[in-house]
Amino acid sequence: MRVQVAIVGGGPAGHLLGQLLFKAGIDAVIIERQSRDYVLGRIRAGVLEQVCIDLMDEAGVGQRMHAEGLVHGGFDMLFKGERHRIDMNHLTGGKNVMVYGQTEVTRDLMDARQAAGLTTIYEASNVTVHDFDTARPRVRYEKDGPNGKEVHEIECDFIAGCDGFHGVCRASAPRSAIREYEKIYPFGWLGILSDTPPVHEELIYANSPRGFALCSQRSATRSRYYLQVPLTDKVEDWSDEAFWQELRLRLDPEARAKLVTGPSIEKSIAPLRSFVTEPMRFGRMFLAGDAAHIVPPTGAKGLNLAATDVKYLSNALIEFYQDKSEAGIDNYSERCLRRIWRAERFSWWFTGLMHRFPENGEIGQKFQEAELDYLIHSEAGARSVAENYVGLPLDFGE
């Protein structure tokens, strides 16, 4: 097979890139090691910045998102037993975010690709990338055929590594040419999904002496809740009843009274890390999304950063094919990383502000409460939180 762009990874980043390239008349194939159902079964966050919303529209897949997504103009910060609203819409001159699950984003993109008759290769095993430092990169993979495993090869002009933190693309970059930055946090998020109405119409971020909690949602009838837990905890240690009881203890009286509980339909513990790879380009192979960076979920930046990478990369590739210019390709890594580090900083700061760090003792809790008190009483402080949460413009600071 010969294509212009081989996209390794069939999650939201890979499918968004594929759809944007298709709209521009660029031939691309997606290679994914898991099945479609497996990809759609992964439960992820779902707070979309305006940049991501606009990209879904640009890709021609925004209709269901606008019909079913929940527009939020603010969120609550809970500390010392009281809630305070950050009015993002007012503080940012009319900007909002939208709650629309990452699973649904991926489904919309998959359906559009299938309807257009475009090639996505699922359940491709032993994927490898070759010769990306030349003008003729190749991707090899194995897939079951009538005679067992068959080896396939794709020749292309460019490889887009959208294959996540554990993917093959970053792992294939020469160690001498790559630098990685990482921070592991000493706790995880225990999350449950339940078919219960949300406790509040907007998100609640809670700073409690017992630890962080987040009340989120997927729809008017489906809720997503999180608790900060030690990394030593196991999912089987937490019954649904134990989860709901602990969540109540971290909420304010009003939220506690309105909380509707029910059986979990998904429960998991996710570790938190900050991670960045530099650079994001190796010859004719580019990294995008989780392949290049991970953020703590506190700031709701993961999917949105991936979408921004894809926007920069699709623009660069379109410029290469339509204008015969390599300027966008040459600037891709630097441009992405500038935005990535801003989002990493906000996610690190917000995580440090809202979570309990036992090693910091009671004085650490007092420092957090004092900073939160300042933020909600300072328009400048609240605006900084709001601007970062709704997402900085694509050309911010350029």
Protein backbone atom coordinates (compact mmCIF):
# COMPACT_ATOMS: atom_id res chain seq x y z
CA MET A 1 0.00 0.00 0.00
CA ARG A 2 1.16 3.53 -0.80
CA VAL A 3 -0.37 6.59 0.92
CA GLN A 4 0.69 10.14 1.60
CA VAL A 5 0.31 9.92 5.40
CA ALA A 6 0.32 6.84 7.63
CA ILE A 7 -1.37 7.55 10.97
CA VAL A 8 -0.36 5.15 13.73
CA GLY A 9 -3.08 5.10 16.38
CA GLY A 10 -6.87 5.10 15.99
CA GLY A 11 -7.94 7.09 19.02
CA PRO A 12 -9.43 10.59 18.88
CA ALA A 13 -6.15 12.26 17.79
CA GLY A 14 -5.52 9.83 14.95
CA HIS A 15 -9.09 9.94 13.71
CA LEU A 16 -9.31 13.73 13.94
CA LEU A 17 -6.10 14.05 11.92
CA GLY A 18 -7.41 11.56 9.37
CA GLN A 19 -10.66 13.48 8.95
CA LEU A 20 -8.95 16.86 8.56
CA LEU A 21 -6.56 15.45 5.96
CA PHE A 22 -9.43 13.79 4.11
CA LYS A 23 -11.24 17.14 3.94
CA ALA A 24 -8.10 18.61 2.35
CA GLY A 25 -7.82 15.82 -0.22
CA ILE A 26 -4.79 14.14 1.39
CA ASP A 27 -4.68 10.34 1.33
CA ALA A 28 -4.14 8.84 4.78
CA VAL A 29 -4.54 5.43 6.38
CA ILE A 30 -5.00 4.72 10.11
CA ILE A 31 -3.34 1.72 11.74
CA GLU A 32 -4.68 0.72 15.18
CA ARG A 33 -3.53 -2.28 17.23
CA GLN A 34 -6.85 -2.69 19.07
CA SER A 35 -10.38 -3.34 17.82
CA ARG A 36 -12.88 -0.56 17.24
CA ASP A 37 -14.96 -1.76 20.20
CA TYR A 38 -11.92 -1.76 22.47
CA VAL A 39 -11.05 1.82 21.53
CA LEU A 40 -14.62 2.95 22.16
CA GLY A 41 -14.68 1.07 25.47
CA ARG A 42 -11.93 3.24 26.97
CA ILE A 43 -13.47 5.70 29.44
CA ARG A 44 -11.80 9.09 29.24
CA ALA A 45 -12.53 12.71 30.13
CA GLY A 46 -14.89 14.89 28.20
CA VAL A 47 -14.41 18.64 28.74
CA LEU A 48 -13.85 20.28 25.34
CA GLU A 49 -12.27 23.69 24.85
CA GLN A 50 -13.47 25.96 22.05
CA VAL A 51 -10.46 24.99 19.93
CA CYS A 52 -11.51 21.34 20.06
CA ILE A 53 -15.15 22.21 19.38
CA ASP A 54 -14.12 24.26 16.35
CA LEU A 55 -11.96 21.40 15.04
CA MET A 56 -14.86 18.95 15.26
CA ASP A 57 -16.90 21.40 13.18
CA GLU A 58 -14.01 21.83 10.72
CA ALA A 59 -13.83 18.05 10.39
CA GLY A 60 -17.55 17.97 9.61
CA VAL A 61 -18.53 15.86 12.63
CA GLY A 62 -19.90 18.43 15.09
CA GLN A 63 -23.64 17.93 14.62
CA ARG A 64 -24.25 15.40 17.42
CA MET A 65 -21.79 17.19 19.70
CA HIS A 66 -23.79 20.42 19.47
CA ALA A 67 -27.07 18.55 19.95
CA GLU A 68 -26.01 16.49 22.98
CA GLY A 69 -23.06 18.35 24.49
CA LEU A 70 -23.55 20.36 27.68
CA VAL A 71 -22.26 23.94 27.51
CA HIS A 72 -20.68 25.11 30.77
CA GLY A 73 -19.94 28.76 31.50
CA GLY A 74 -18.29 28.13 34.86
CA PHE A 75 -17.39 25.63 37.58
CA ASP A 76 -17.40 25.53 41.37
CA MET A 77 -14.37 25.38 43.67
CA LEU A 78 -15.17 23.89 47.07
CA PHE A 79 -12.92 24.48 50.09
CA LYS A 80 -13.48 24.93 53.83
CA GLY A 81 -16.96 23.51 53.32
CA GLU A 82 -18.18 26.24 50.95
CA ARG A 83 -18.51 26.47 47.16
CA HIS A 84 -17.43 29.42 45.04
CA ARG A 85 -18.17 29.75 41.32
CA ILE A 86 -15.57 30.66 38.71
CA ASP A 87 -17.61 32.46 36.05
CA MET A 88 -15.54 31.57 32.99
CA ASN A 89 -17.98 33.11 30.55
CA HIS A 90 -17.84 36.52 32.24
CA LEU A 91 -14.12 36.46 33.02
CA THR A 92 -13.03 35.48 29.49
CA GLY A 93 -15.34 37.65 27.44
CA GLY A 94 -17.93 35.02 26.57
CA LYS A 95 -15.94 31.76 26.33
CA ASN A 96 -17.29 28.43 27.56
CA VAL A 97 -16.37 24.76 27.58
CA MET A 98 -18.53 21.80 26.51
CA VAL A 99 -18.99 18.51 28.32
CA TYR A 100 -19.02 15.80 25.64
CA GLY A 101 -17.34 12.47 26.32
CA GLN A 102 -14.13 11.55 24.56
CA THR A 103 -15.76 8.25 23.64
CA GLU A 104 -18.44 10.15 21.74
CA VAL A 105 -15.86 12.35 20.02
CA THR A 106 -14.07 9.20 18.84
CA ARG A 107 -17.31 7.52 17.76
CA ASP A 108 -18.35 10.52 15.65
CA LEU A 109 -14.97 10.58 13.91
CA MET A 110 -14.98 6.81 13.35
CA ASP A 111 -18.48 6.89 11.89
CA ALA A 112 -17.58 9.73 9.52
CA ARG A 113 -14.48 7.88 8.35
CA GLN A 114 -16.43 4.69 7.76
CA ALA A 115 -19.20 6.56 5.90
CA ALA A 116 -16.57 8.08 3.59
CA GLY A 117 -15.16 4.62 2.81
CA LEU A 118 -11.72 5.46 4.18
CA THR A 119 -9.27 2.79 5.31
CA THR A 120 -8.74 2.07 9.00
CA ILE A 121 -6.82 -1.07 9.86
CA TYR A 122 -7.88 -2.39 13.26
CA GLU A 123 -6.22 -5.21 15.24
CA ALA A 124 -2.86 -4.64 13.58
CA SER A 125 -0.21 -6.35 15.71
CA ASN A 126 3.57 -5.85 15.89
CA VAL A 127 3.43 -2.40 14.31
CA THR A 128 6.86 -0.99 13.48
CA VAL A 129 8.03 2.24 11.83
CA HIS A 130 11.03 2.43 9.49
CA ASP A 131 13.14 4.90 7.51
CA PHE A 132 11.40 8.00 8.91
CA ASP A 133 14.72 9.82 8.59
CA THR A 134 14.48 9.41 4.80
CA ALA A 135 12.04 10.58 2.11
CA ARG A 136 10.38 7.14 2.03
CA PRO A 137 9.13 6.14 5.49
CA ARG A 138 7.42 2.79 5.96
CA VAL A 139 5.07 1.22 8.48
CA ARG A 140 4.90 -2.55 8.91
CA TYR A 141 2.31 -4.54 10.79
CA GLU A 142 0.90 -8.04 11.09
CA LYS A 143 -2.73 -9.00 10.76
CA ASP A 144 -4.61 -12.25 10.74
CA GLY A 145 -5.33 -13.60 7.27
CA PRO A 146 -6.63 -16.88 5.83
CA ASN A 147 -3.20 -18.43 6.33
CA GLY A 148 -2.50 -17.00 9.79
CA LYS A 149 -0.51 -13.88 10.53
CA GLU A 150 0.43 -11.93 7.42
CA VAL A 151 3.01 -9.13 7.24
CA HIS A 152 1.92 -5.91 5.53
CA GLU A 153 3.90 -2.80 4.62
CA ILE A 154 2.71 0.75 3.96
CA GLU A 155 4.91 3.22 2.11
CA CYS A 156 4.21 6.87 2.82
CA ASP A 157 5.55 10.42 2.76
CA PHE A 158 4.98 11.03 6.48
CA ILE A 159 4.21 9.08 9.66
CA ALA A 160 1.95 10.60 12.32
CA GLY A 161 2.50 8.99 15.71
CA CYS A 162 -0.87 9.26 17.45
CA ASP A 163 -0.41 5.96 19.27
CA GLY A 164 -0.37 7.07 22.89
CA PHE A 165 2.05 6.98 25.78
CA HIS A 166 2.96 3.30 25.27
CA GLY A 167 3.02 3.45 21.47
CA VAL A 168 5.74 2.40 19.07
CA CYS A 169 6.45 5.79 17.48
CA ARG A 170 8.06 7.59 20.39
CA ALA A 171 9.80 4.36 21.39
CA SER A 172 11.33 4.18 17.89
CA ALA A 173 12.86 7.66 18.01
CA PRO A 174 16.65 7.59 18.47
CA ARG A 175 17.45 7.90 22.18
CA SER A 176 20.20 10.38 21.43
CA ALA A 177 17.71 12.74 19.77
CA ILE A 178 14.98 12.73 22.40
CA ARG A 179 14.58 14.18 25.87
CA GLU A 180 11.79 13.28 28.26
CA TYR A 181 10.52 15.20 31.29
CA GLU A 182 8.34 13.47 33.87
CA LYS A 183 6.72 13.98 37.27
CA ILE A 184 4.83 11.16 39.01
CA TYR A 185 2.26 12.26 41.58
CA PRO A 186 1.95 10.33 44.87
CA PHE A 187 -1.75 9.53 44.42
CA GLY A 188 -4.29 8.42 41.85
CA TRP A 189 -7.89 9.13 40.89
CA LEU A 190 -10.53 6.54 41.72
CA GLY A 191 -13.32 7.18 39.23
CA ILE A 192 -16.78 5.74 38.76
CA LEU A 193 -19.36 6.18 36.03
CA SER A 194 -23.00 5.84 37.03
CA ASP A 195 -26.38 6.28 35.39
CA THR A 196 -27.47 8.87 37.91
CA PRO A 197 -28.30 12.57 37.44
CA PRO A 198 -25.34 14.88 38.16
CA VAL A 199 -25.22 16.44 41.61
CA HIS A 200 -24.83 19.90 40.04
CA GLU A 201 -25.32 21.45 36.59
CA GLU A 202 -21.61 22.34 36.43
CA LEU A 203 -18.44 20.67 37.67
CA ILE A 204 -17.42 20.83 41.33
CA TYR A 205 -13.70 20.72 42.22
CA ALA A 206 -13.34 19.98 45.93
CA ASN A 207 -10.32 20.61 48.15
CA SER A 208 -10.98 18.68 51.35
CA PRO A 209 -8.82 17.67 54.33
CA ARG A 210 -9.75 14.10 53.31
CA GLY A 211 -8.43 14.63 49.77
CA PHE A 212 -9.54 15.93 46.39
CA ALA A 213 -12.90 15.10 44.81
CA LEU A 214 -14.44 15.98 41.44
CA CYS A 215 -18.11 15.87 40.52
CA SER A 216 -18.36 15.69 36.75
CA GLN A 217 -20.88 14.42 34.22
CA ARG A 218 -21.39 12.96 30.77
CA SER A 219 -25.05 13.87 30.24
CA ALA A 220 -28.15 14.92 32.14
CA THR A 221 -28.55 11.30 33.29
CA ARG A 222 -24.96 10.01 33.52
CA SER A 223 -22.41 11.16 36.09
CA ARG A 224 -18.67 10.78 36.54
CA TYR A 225 -17.11 11.16 39.99
CA TYR A 226 -13.52 10.99 41.20
CA LEU A 227 -11.72 10.65 44.52
CA GLN A 228 -8.05 11.16 45.30
CA VAL A 229 -6.71 7.86 46.68
CA PRO A 230 -3.25 6.50 47.58
CA LEU A 231 -1.39 4.72 44.80
CA THR A 232 -1.46 1.59 46.96
CA ASP A 233 -5.26 1.35 46.75
CA LYS A 234 -6.85 -1.23 44.45
CA VAL A 235 -10.21 -0.97 42.70
CA GLU A 236 -11.40 -4.10 44.50
CA ASP A 237 -10.79 -2.33 47.82
CA TRP A 238 -13.61 0.08 47.00
CA SER A 239 -17.22 -1.06 46.96
CA ASP A 240 -19.77 1.31 45.44
CA GLU A 241 -21.14 1.97 48.91
CA ALA A 242 -17.68 2.88 50.23
CA PHE A 243 -17.10 5.23 47.29
CA TRP A 244 -20.38 7.10 47.77
CA GLN A 245 -19.82 7.41 51.50
CA GLU A 246 -16.33 8.88 51.04
CA LEU A 247 -17.56 11.26 48.34
CA ARG A 248 -20.24 12.57 50.70
CA LEU A 249 -17.59 13.32 53.33
CA ARG A 250 -15.67 15.49 50.83
CA LEU A 251 -18.66 17.55 49.66
CA ASP A 252 -20.55 20.50 51.11
CA PRO A 253 -23.94 19.97 52.79
CA GLU A 254 -25.95 21.15 49.75
CA ALA A 255 -24.17 18.79 47.34
CA ARG A 256 -24.35 15.98 49.88
CA ALA A 257 -28.13 16.39 50.10
CA LYS A 258 -28.55 16.41 46.30
CA LEU A 259 -26.22 13.48 45.55
CA VAL A 260 -28.05 10.60 43.86
CA THR A 261 -26.19 7.30 44.15
CA GLY A 262 -26.46 4.10 42.18
CA PRO A 263 -24.49 1.12 40.90
CA SER A 264 -21.30 1.91 39.03
CA ILE A 265 -21.10 0.91 35.37
CA GLU A 266 -17.33 1.50 35.31
CA LYS A 267 -14.77 1.87 38.07
CA SER A 268 -11.02 2.38 37.77
CA ILE A 269 -7.97 3.98 39.37
CA ALA A 270 -5.74 6.16 37.20
CA PRO A 271 -2.27 7.32 38.29
CA LEU A 272 -1.38 10.97 37.67
CA ARG A 273 1.71 12.15 35.83
CA SER A 274 3.12 15.14 33.99
CA PHE A 275 5.16 14.07 30.96
CA VAL A 276 6.61 15.85 27.93
CA THR A 277 8.81 14.66 25.08
CA GLU A 278 11.09 17.02 23.18
CA PRO A 279 11.18 17.30 20.21
CA MET A 280 7.99 16.07 18.55
CA ARG A 281 9.44 15.64 15.06
CA PHE A 282 12.01 13.09 13.91
CA GLY A 283 12.63 13.49 10.19
CA ARG A 284 9.32 12.61 8.58
CA MET A 285 7.72 11.19 11.73
CA PHE A 286 5.67 13.43 14.03
CA LEU A 287 4.32 12.75 17.51
CA ALA A 288 0.90 14.06 18.54
CA GLY A 289 -1.28 13.70 21.62
CA ASP A 290 -0.41 11.26 24.40
CA ALA A 291 2.54 9.96 22.38
CA ALA A 292 4.24 13.27 23.16
CA HIS A 293 2.75 14.47 26.44
CA ILE A 294 0.58 13.50 29.41
CA VAL A 295 -1.08 15.94 31.80
CA PRO A 296 -2.85 15.30 35.12
CA PRO A 297 -6.59 15.29 34.37
CA THR A 298 -7.25 18.08 36.89
CA GLY A 299 -7.04 20.81 34.24
CA ALA A 300 -9.00 18.90 31.55
CA LYS A 301 -6.21 19.41 29.01
CA GLY A 302 -5.37 15.94 27.64
CA LEU A 303 -7.78 15.65 24.70
CA ASN A 304 -7.64 19.39 24.05
CA LEU A 305 -3.84 19.40 23.77
CA ALA A 306 -4.03 16.44 21.40
CA ALA A 307 -6.53 18.31 19.25
CA THR A 308 -4.22 21.33 19.11
CA ASP A 309 -1.29 19.13 18.03
CA VAL A 310 -3.49 17.72 15.29
CA LYS A 311 -4.52 21.20 14.16
CA TYR A 312 -0.89 22.31 13.84
CA LEU A 313 0.12 19.05 12.13
CA SER A 314 -2.77 18.99 9.66
CA ASN A 315 -2.08 22.61 8.73
CA ALA A 316 1.61 21.80 8.21
CA LEU A 317 0.86 18.80 5.99
CA ILE A 318 -1.77 20.68 3.99
CA GLU A 319 0.73 23.51 3.48
CA PHE A 320 3.32 20.97 2.32
CA TYR A 321 1.06 19.40 -0.31
CA GLN A 322 -0.86 22.48 -1.46
CA ASP A 323 1.78 25.23 -1.21
CA LYS A 324 4.94 23.12 -1.52
CA SER A 325 6.18 24.73 1.70
CA GLU A 326 7.93 22.99 4.61
CA ALA A 327 7.64 25.96 6.97
CA GLY A 328 4.81 24.40 9.00
CA ILE A 329 6.61 21.08 9.22
CA ASP A 330 9.81 22.75 10.36
CA ASN A 331 7.97 24.78 13.03
CA TYR A 332 5.64 22.00 14.19
CA SER A 333 7.56 20.82 17.24
CA GLU A 334 8.46 24.26 18.56
CA ARG A 335 4.95 25.60 18.10
CA CYS A 336 3.31 22.62 19.81
CA LEU A 337 5.72 22.55 22.73
CA ARG A 338 5.20 26.20 23.58
CA ARG A 339 1.49 25.57 24.03
CA ILE A 340 2.04 22.19 25.70
CA TRP A 341 4.27 23.60 28.43
CA ARG A 342 1.67 26.27 29.22
CA ALA A 343 -0.99 23.60 29.64
CA GLU A 344 1.38 21.38 31.61
CA ARG A 345 2.11 24.26 33.96
CA PHE A 346 -1.58 24.98 34.55
CA SER A 347 -2.39 21.29 35.11
CA TRP A 348 0.54 20.92 37.55
CA TRP A 349 -0.46 24.09 39.41
CA PHE A 350 -4.17 23.18 39.59
CA THR A 351 -3.32 19.66 40.76
CA GLY A 352 -1.05 21.06 43.47
CA LEU A 353 -3.74 23.50 44.56
CA MET A 354 -6.64 21.05 44.85
CA HIS A 355 -5.08 17.81 46.13
CA ARG A 356 -3.99 16.73 49.57
CA PHE A 357 -0.24 16.14 49.87
CA PRO A 358 0.21 14.32 53.21
CA GLU A 359 3.93 15.13 53.30
CA ASN A 360 3.05 18.85 53.47
CA GLY A 361 1.09 18.41 56.70
CA GLU A 362 -1.57 20.75 58.05
CA ILE A 363 0.37 23.84 57.02
CA GLY A 364 0.17 22.70 53.39
CA GLN A 365 -3.63 22.58 53.67
CA LYS A 366 -3.63 26.09 55.15
CA PHE A 367 -1.48 27.40 52.29
CA GLN A 368 -3.90 25.88 49.75
CA GLU A 369 -6.93 27.38 51.47
CA ALA A 370 -5.27 30.81 51.59
CA GLU A 371 -4.49 30.68 47.87
CA LEU A 372 -8.01 29.54 47.04
CA ASP A 373 -9.41 32.36 49.17
CA TYR A 374 -7.26 34.82 47.23
CA LEU A 375 -8.31 33.43 43.85
CA ILE A 376 -12.03 33.68 44.46
CA HIS A 377 -11.76 37.21 45.86
CA SER A 378 -9.37 38.56 43.22
CA GLU A 379 -10.79 39.20 39.76
CA ALA A 380 -7.28 38.99 38.32
CA GLY A 381 -6.67 35.64 40.03
CA ALA A 382 -10.04 34.23 38.99
CA ARG A 383 -9.51 35.45 35.43
CA SER A 384 -6.18 33.64 35.21
CA VAL A 385 -7.86 30.39 36.29
CA ALA A 386 -10.73 30.93 33.84
CA GLU A 387 -8.50 31.82 30.88
CA ASN A 388 -6.38 28.72 31.32
CA TYR A 389 -9.35 26.43 31.93
CA VAL A 390 -11.28 27.47 28.80
CA GLY A 391 -8.02 27.21 26.81
CA LEU A 392 -5.63 29.81 25.50
CA PRO A 393 -6.07 30.86 21.84
CA LEU A 394 -4.08 28.94 19.25
CA ASP A 395 -1.95 31.99 18.51
CA PHE A 396 -1.53 33.13 22.14
CA GLY A 397 1.78 34.96 22.55
CA GLU A 398 2.83 34.52 18.94
